[in-house]
Amino acid sequence: MSKREKKWRRIYLFLIIFIYAIFVPVTALDWLAGDGKFPYTAIIVGIALPFIRKNHLTTMKGK
């Protein structure tokens, strides 16, 4: 595993922790409390992030 790949794996780890542990729950609670709109952004990012990570890391290995 190259240094570049290790760096991106660490970045994705922090992104995933932030998105799933902080952003999605806070957005969902905000919506459930009735203060905000339906959390489309949180749902889209939550679903898309693993696919983005996998595609990016696979593309990087191919270079």
PDB file of N, CA and C in Angstrom:
ATOM      1  N   MET A   1       0.854  -1.167   0.000  1.00  0.00           N
ATOM      2  CA  MET A   1       0.000   0.000   0.000  1.00  0.00           C
ATOM      3  C   MET A   1       0.906   1.238   0.000  1.00  0.00           C
ATOM      4  N   SER A   2       0.644   2.141  -0.906  1.00  0.00           N
ATOM      5  CA  SER A   2       1.481   3.333  -1.034  1.00  0.00           C
ATOM      6  C   SER A   2       1.143   4.374   0.031  1.00  0.00           C
ATOM      7  N   LYS A   3       2.030   5.349   0.160  1.00  0.00           N
ATOM      8  CA  LYS A   3       1.792   6.441   1.121  1.00  0.00           C
ATOM      9  C   LYS A   3       0.539   7.217   0.749  1.00  0.00           C
ATOM     10  N   ARG A   4       0.363   7.406  -0.546  1.00  0.00           N
ATOM     11  CA  ARG A   4      -0.809   8.151  -1.029  1.00  0.00           C
ATOM     12  C   ARG A   4      -2.109   7.435  -0.658  1.00  0.00           C
ATOM     13  N   GLU A   5      -2.116   6.124  -0.844  1.00  0.00           N
ATOM     14  CA  GLU A   5      -3.306   5.342  -0.512  1.00  0.00           C
ATOM     15  C   GLU A   5      -3.565   5.352   0.996  1.00  0.00           C
ATOM     16  N   LYS A   6      -2.523   5.241   1.798  1.00  0.00           N
ATOM     17  CA  LYS A   6      -2.682   5.302   3.250  1.00  0.00           C
ATOM     18  C   LYS A   6      -3.269   6.638   3.674  1.00  0.00           C
ATOM     19  N   LYS A   7      -2.784   7.718   3.048  1.00  0.00           N
ATOM     20  CA  LYS A   7      -3.285   9.054   3.371  1.00  0.00           C
ATOM     21  C   LYS A   7      -4.779   9.151   3.070  1.00  0.00           C
ATOM     22  N   TRP A   8      -5.177   8.660   1.895  1.00  0.00           N
ATOM     23  CA  TRP A   8      -6.594   8.740   1.533  1.00  0.00           C
ATOM     24  C   TRP A   8      -7.464   7.823   2.392  1.00  0.00           C
ATOM     25  N   ARG A   9      -6.937   6.678   2.782  1.00  0.00           N
ATOM     26  CA  ARG A   9      -7.700   5.803   3.685  1.00  0.00           C
ATOM     27  C   ARG A   9      -7.952   6.493   5.019  1.00  0.00           C
ATOM     28  N   ARG A  10      -6.959   7.204   5.520  1.00  0.00           N
ATOM     29  CA  ARG A  10      -7.115   7.936   6.779  1.00  0.00           C
ATOM     30  C   ARG A  10      -8.129   9.079   6.622  1.00  0.00           C
ATOM     31  N   ILE A  11      -8.074   9.794   5.511  1.00  0.00           N
ATOM     32  CA  ILE A  11      -9.034  10.876   5.250  1.00  0.00           C
ATOM     33  C   ILE A  11     -10.449  10.318   5.193  1.00  0.00           C
ATOM     34  N   TYR A  12     -10.621   9.206   4.482  1.00  0.00           N
ATOM     35  CA  TYR A  12     -11.952   8.602   4.396  1.00  0.00           C
ATOM     36  C   TYR A  12     -12.430   8.093   5.747  1.00  0.00           C
ATOM     37  N   LEU A  13     -11.524   7.592   6.566  1.00  0.00           N
ATOM     38  CA  LEU A  13     -11.902   7.143   7.901  1.00  0.00           C
ATOM     39  C   LEU A  13     -12.472   8.304   8.719  1.00  0.00           C
ATOM     40  N   PHE A  14     -11.785   9.441   8.705  1.00  0.00           N
ATOM     41  CA  PHE A  14     -12.279  10.613   9.433  1.00  0.00           C
ATOM     42  C   PHE A  14     -13.602  11.111   8.858  1.00  0.00           C
ATOM     43  N   LEU A  15     -13.737  11.102   7.529  1.00  0.00           N
ATOM     44  CA  LEU A  15     -14.993  11.516   6.909  1.00  0.00           C
ATOM     45  C   LEU A  15     -16.147  10.603   7.320  1.00  0.00           C
ATOM     46  N   ILE A  16     -15.900   9.308   7.289  1.00  0.00           N
ATOM     47  CA  ILE A  16     -16.950   8.349   7.640  1.00  0.00           C
ATOM     48  C   ILE A  16     -17.351   8.505   9.108  1.00  0.00           C
ATOM     49  N   ILE A  17     -16.374   8.662   9.984  1.00  0.00           N
ATOM     50  CA  ILE A  17     -16.697   8.866  11.402  1.00  0.00           C
ATOM     51  C   ILE A  17     -17.509  10.132  11.588  1.00  0.00           C
ATOM     52  N   PHE A  18     -17.099  11.220  10.955  1.00  0.00           N
ATOM     53  CA  PHE A  18     -17.828  12.477  11.078  1.00  0.00           C
ATOM     54  C   PHE A  18     -19.242  12.367  10.505  1.00  0.00           C
ATOM     55  N   ILE A  19     -19.364  11.814   9.313  1.00  0.00           N
ATOM     56  CA  ILE A  19     -20.670  11.741   8.646  1.00  0.00           C
ATOM     57  C   ILE A  19     -21.632  10.862   9.437  1.00  0.00           C
ATOM     58  N   TYR A  20     -21.200   9.634   9.784  1.00  0.00           N
ATOM     59  CA  TYR A  20     -22.119   8.685  10.419  1.00  0.00           C
ATOM     60  C   TYR A  20     -22.306   8.904  11.914  1.00  0.00           C
ATOM     61  N   ALA A  21     -21.333   9.498  12.583  1.00  0.00           N
ATOM     62  CA  ALA A  21     -21.454   9.681  14.032  1.00  0.00           C
ATOM     63  C   ALA A  21     -21.989  11.049  14.417  1.00  0.00           C
ATOM     64  N   ILE A  22     -21.802  12.046  13.552  1.00  0.00           N
ATOM     65  CA  ILE A  22     -22.216  13.394  13.922  1.00  0.00           C
ATOM     66  C   ILE A  22     -23.252  13.969  12.957  1.00  0.00           C
ATOM     67  N   PHE A  23     -22.918  14.064  11.678  1.00  0.00           N
ATOM     68  CA  PHE A  23     -23.762  14.766  10.716  1.00  0.00           C
ATOM     69  C   PHE A  23     -25.138  14.123  10.525  1.00  0.00           C
ATOM     70  N   VAL A  24     -25.171  12.825  10.230  1.00  0.00           N
ATOM     71  CA  VAL A  24     -26.456  12.159   9.979  1.00  0.00           C
ATOM     72  C   VAL A  24     -27.354  12.162  11.219  1.00  0.00           C
ATOM     73  N   PRO A  25     -26.868  11.784  12.413  1.00  0.00           N
ATOM     74  CA  PRO A  25     -27.751  11.807  13.584  1.00  0.00           C
ATOM     75  C   PRO A  25     -28.251  13.206  13.947  1.00  0.00           C
ATOM     76  N   VAL A  26     -27.373  14.204  13.861  1.00  0.00           N
ATOM     77  CA  VAL A  26     -27.802  15.566  14.191  1.00  0.00           C
ATOM     78  C   VAL A  26     -28.843  16.058  13.201  1.00  0.00           C
ATOM     79  N   THR A  27     -28.636  15.785  11.922  1.00  0.00           N
ATOM     80  CA  THR A  27     -29.605  16.196  10.905  1.00  0.00           C
ATOM     81  C   THR A  27     -30.934  15.476  11.090  1.00  0.00           C
ATOM     82  N   ALA A  28     -30.884  14.181  11.397  1.00  0.00           N
ATOM     83  CA  ALA A  28     -32.117  13.428  11.613  1.00  0.00           C
ATOM     84  C   ALA A  28     -32.856  13.917  12.857  1.00  0.00           C
ATOM     85  N   LEU A  29     -32.131  14.189  13.924  1.00  0.00           N
ATOM     86  CA  LEU A  29     -32.780  14.706  15.138  1.00  0.00           C
ATOM     87  C   LEU A  29     -33.371  16.095  14.910  1.00  0.00           C
ATOM     88  N   ASP A  30     -32.686  16.903  14.134  1.00  0.00           N
ATOM     89  CA  ASP A  30     -33.197  18.225  13.796  1.00  0.00           C
ATOM     90  C   ASP A  30     -34.510  18.096  13.020  1.00  0.00           C
ATOM     91  N   TRP A  31     -34.546  17.153  12.095  1.00  0.00           N
ATOM     92  CA  TRP A  31     -35.762  16.927  11.314  1.00  0.00           C
ATOM     93  C   TRP A  31     -36.884  16.379  12.202  1.00  0.00           C
ATOM     94  N   LEU A  32     -36.562  15.441  13.083  1.00  0.00           N
ATOM     95  CA  LEU A  32     -37.574  14.854  13.962  1.00  0.00           C
ATOM     96  C   LEU A  32     -38.115  15.858  14.976  1.00  0.00           C
ATOM     97  N   ALA A  33     -37.274  16.805  15.360  1.00  0.00           N
ATOM     98  CA  ALA A  33     -37.719  17.834  16.301  1.00  0.00           C
ATOM     99  C   ALA A  33     -38.644  18.846  15.626  1.00  0.00           C
ATOM    100  N   GLY A  34     -38.695  18.807  14.315  1.00  0.00           N
ATOM    101  CA  GLY A  34     -39.592  19.694  13.587  1.00  0.00           C
ATOM    102  C   GLY A  34     -38.980  21.033  13.237  1.00  0.00           C
ATOM    103  N   ASP A  35     -37.690  21.174  13.435  1.00  0.00           N
ATOM    104  CA  ASP A  35     -37.040  22.452  13.162  1.00  0.00           C
ATOM    105  C   ASP A  35     -36.487  22.554  11.741  1.00  0.00           C
ATOM    106  N   GLY A  36     -36.341  21.438  11.067  1.00  0.00           N
ATOM    107  CA  GLY A  36     -35.708  21.478   9.749  1.00  0.00           C
ATOM    108  C   GLY A  36     -36.510  20.715   8.723  1.00  0.00           C
ATOM    109  N   LYS A  37     -36.008  20.768   7.495  1.00  0.00           N
ATOM    110  CA  LYS A  37     -36.623  20.034   6.394  1.00  0.00           C
ATOM    111  C   LYS A  37     -36.135  18.590   6.404  1.00  0.00           C
ATOM    112  N   PHE A  38     -36.731  17.772   5.557  1.00  0.00           N
ATOM    113  CA  PHE A  38     -36.327  16.379   5.453  1.00  0.00           C
ATOM    114  C   PHE A  38     -34.849  16.314   5.076  1.00  0.00           C
ATOM    115  N   PRO A  39     -34.056  15.442   5.716  1.00  0.00           N
ATOM    116  CA  PRO A  39     -32.596  15.438   5.533  1.00  0.00           C
ATOM    117  C   PRO A  39     -32.127  14.721   4.260  1.00  0.00           C
ATOM    118  N   TYR A  40     -32.472  15.278   3.109  1.00  0.00           N
ATOM    119  CA  TYR A  40     -32.054  14.672   1.843  1.00  0.00           C
ATOM    120  C   TYR A  40     -30.534  14.607   1.723  1.00  0.00           C
ATOM    121  N   THR A  41     -29.871  15.678   2.083  1.00  0.00           N
ATOM    122  CA  THR A  41     -28.412  15.726   1.958  1.00  0.00           C
ATOM    123  C   THR A  41     -27.753  14.648   2.813  1.00  0.00           C
ATOM    124  N   ALA A  42     -28.196  14.499   4.039  1.00  0.00           N
ATOM    125  CA  ALA A  42     -27.605  13.490   4.925  1.00  0.00           C
ATOM    126  C   ALA A  42     -27.825  12.086   4.386  1.00  0.00           C
ATOM    127  N   ILE A  43     -28.988  11.833   3.840  1.00  0.00           N
ATOM    128  CA  ILE A  43     -29.278  10.507   3.294  1.00  0.00           C
ATOM    129  C   ILE A  43     -28.424  10.231   2.064  1.00  0.00           C
ATOM    130  N   ILE A  44     -28.335  11.200   1.160  1.00  0.00           N
ATOM    131  CA  ILE A  44     -27.547  11.011  -0.059  1.00  0.00           C
ATOM    132  C   ILE A  44     -26.072  10.821   0.265  1.00  0.00           C
ATOM    133  N   VAL A  45     -25.537  11.661   1.133  1.00  0.00           N
ATOM    134  CA  VAL A  45     -24.123  11.540   1.510  1.00  0.00           C
ATOM    135  C   VAL A  45     -23.880  10.229   2.251  1.00  0.00           C
ATOM    136  N   GLY A  46     -24.788   9.849   3.131  1.00  0.00           N
ATOM    137  CA  GLY A  46     -24.639   8.604   3.879  1.00  0.00           C
ATOM    138  C   GLY A  46     -24.643   7.376   2.997  1.00  0.00           C
ATOM    139  N   ILE A  47     -25.432   7.411   1.939  1.00  0.00           N
ATOM    140  CA  ILE A  47     -25.482   6.274   1.014  1.00  0.00           C
ATOM    141  C   ILE A  47     -24.309   6.301   0.039  1.00  0.00           C
ATOM    142  N   ALA A  48     -23.934   7.475  -0.435  1.00  0.00           N
ATOM    143  CA  ALA A  48     -22.932   7.588  -1.495  1.00  0.00           C
ATOM    144  C   ALA A  48     -21.486   7.468  -1.010  1.00  0.00           C
ATOM    145  N   LEU A  49     -21.204   7.846   0.221  1.00  0.00           N
ATOM    146  CA  LEU A  49     -19.813   7.883   0.692  1.00  0.00           C
ATOM    147  C   LEU A  49     -19.072   6.550   0.567  1.00  0.00           C
ATOM    148  N   PRO A  50     -19.650   5.416   0.941  1.00  0.00           N
ATOM    149  CA  PRO A  50     -18.901   4.153   0.771  1.00  0.00           C
ATOM    150  C   PRO A  50     -18.591   3.839  -0.697  1.00  0.00           C
ATOM    151  N   PHE A  51     -19.508   4.188  -1.602  1.00  0.00           N
ATOM    152  CA  PHE A  51     -19.271   3.947  -3.022  1.00  0.00           C
ATOM    153  C   PHE A  51     -18.194   4.878  -3.574  1.00  0.00           C
ATOM    154  N   ILE A  52     -18.213   6.129  -3.136  1.00  0.00           N
ATOM    155  CA  ILE A  52     -17.190   7.085  -3.554  1.00  0.00           C
ATOM    156  C   ILE A  52     -15.821   6.615  -3.072  1.00  0.00           C
ATOM    157  N   ARG A  53     -15.748   6.189  -1.813  1.00  0.00           N
ATOM    158  CA  ARG A  53     -14.484   5.715  -1.235  1.00  0.00           C
ATOM    159  C   ARG A  53     -13.951   4.515  -2.007  1.00  0.00           C
ATOM    160  N   LYS A  54     -14.804   3.538  -2.246  1.00  0.00           N
ATOM    161  CA  LYS A  54     -14.381   2.324  -2.941  1.00  0.00           C
ATOM    162  C   LYS A  54     -13.896   2.640  -4.353  1.00  0.00           C
ATOM    163  N   ASN A  55     -14.644   3.454  -5.069  1.00  0.00           N
ATOM    164  CA  ASN A  55     -14.273   3.802  -6.437  1.00  0.00           C
ATOM    165  C   ASN A  55     -12.962   4.577  -6.468  1.00  0.00           C
ATOM    166  N   HIS A  56     -12.796   5.516  -5.580  1.00  0.00           N
ATOM    167  CA  HIS A  56     -11.571   6.322  -5.556  1.00  0.00           C
ATOM    168  C   HIS A  56     -10.349   5.468  -5.229  1.00  0.00           C
ATOM    169  N   LEU A  57     -10.453   4.620  -4.215  1.00  0.00           N
ATOM    170  CA  LEU A  57      -9.316   3.789  -3.837  1.00  0.00           C
ATOM    171  C   LEU A  57      -8.981   2.761  -4.919  1.00  0.00           C
ATOM    172  N   THR A  58      -9.999   2.226  -5.586  1.00  0.00           N
ATOM    173  CA  THR A  58      -9.759   1.287  -6.685  1.00  0.00           C
ATOM    174  C   THR A  58      -9.082   1.985  -7.844  1.00  0.00           C
ATOM    175  N   THR A  59      -9.529   3.189  -8.161  1.00  0.00           N
ATOM    176  CA  THR A  59      -8.907   3.953  -9.241  1.00  0.00           C
ATOM    177  C   THR A  59      -7.456   4.278  -8.908  1.00  0.00           C
ATOM    178  N   MET A  60      -7.179   4.589  -7.662  1.00  0.00           N
ATOM    179  CA  MET A  60      -5.822   4.924  -7.250  1.00  0.00           C
ATOM    180  C   MET A  60      -4.901   3.703  -7.349  1.00  0.00           C
ATOM    181  N   LYS A  61      -5.412   2.517  -7.049  1.00  0.00           N
ATOM    182  CA  LYS A  61      -4.593   1.308  -7.142  1.00  0.00           C
ATOM    183  C   LYS A  61      -4.222   1.012  -8.599  1.00  0.00           C
ATOM    184  N   GLY A  62      -5.122   1.362  -9.527  1.00  0.00           N
ATOM    185  CA  GLY A  62      -4.895   1.091 -10.938  1.00  0.00           C
ATOM    186  C   GLY A  62      -3.827   1.954 -11.566  1.00  0.00           C
ATOM    187  N   LYS A  63      -3.514   3.084 -10.944  1.00  0.00           N
ATOM    188  CA  LYS A  63      -2.514   3.999 -11.535  1.00  0.00           C
ATOM    189  C   LYS A  63      -1.120   3.550 -11.237  1.00  0.00           C
TER     190      LYS A  63
END
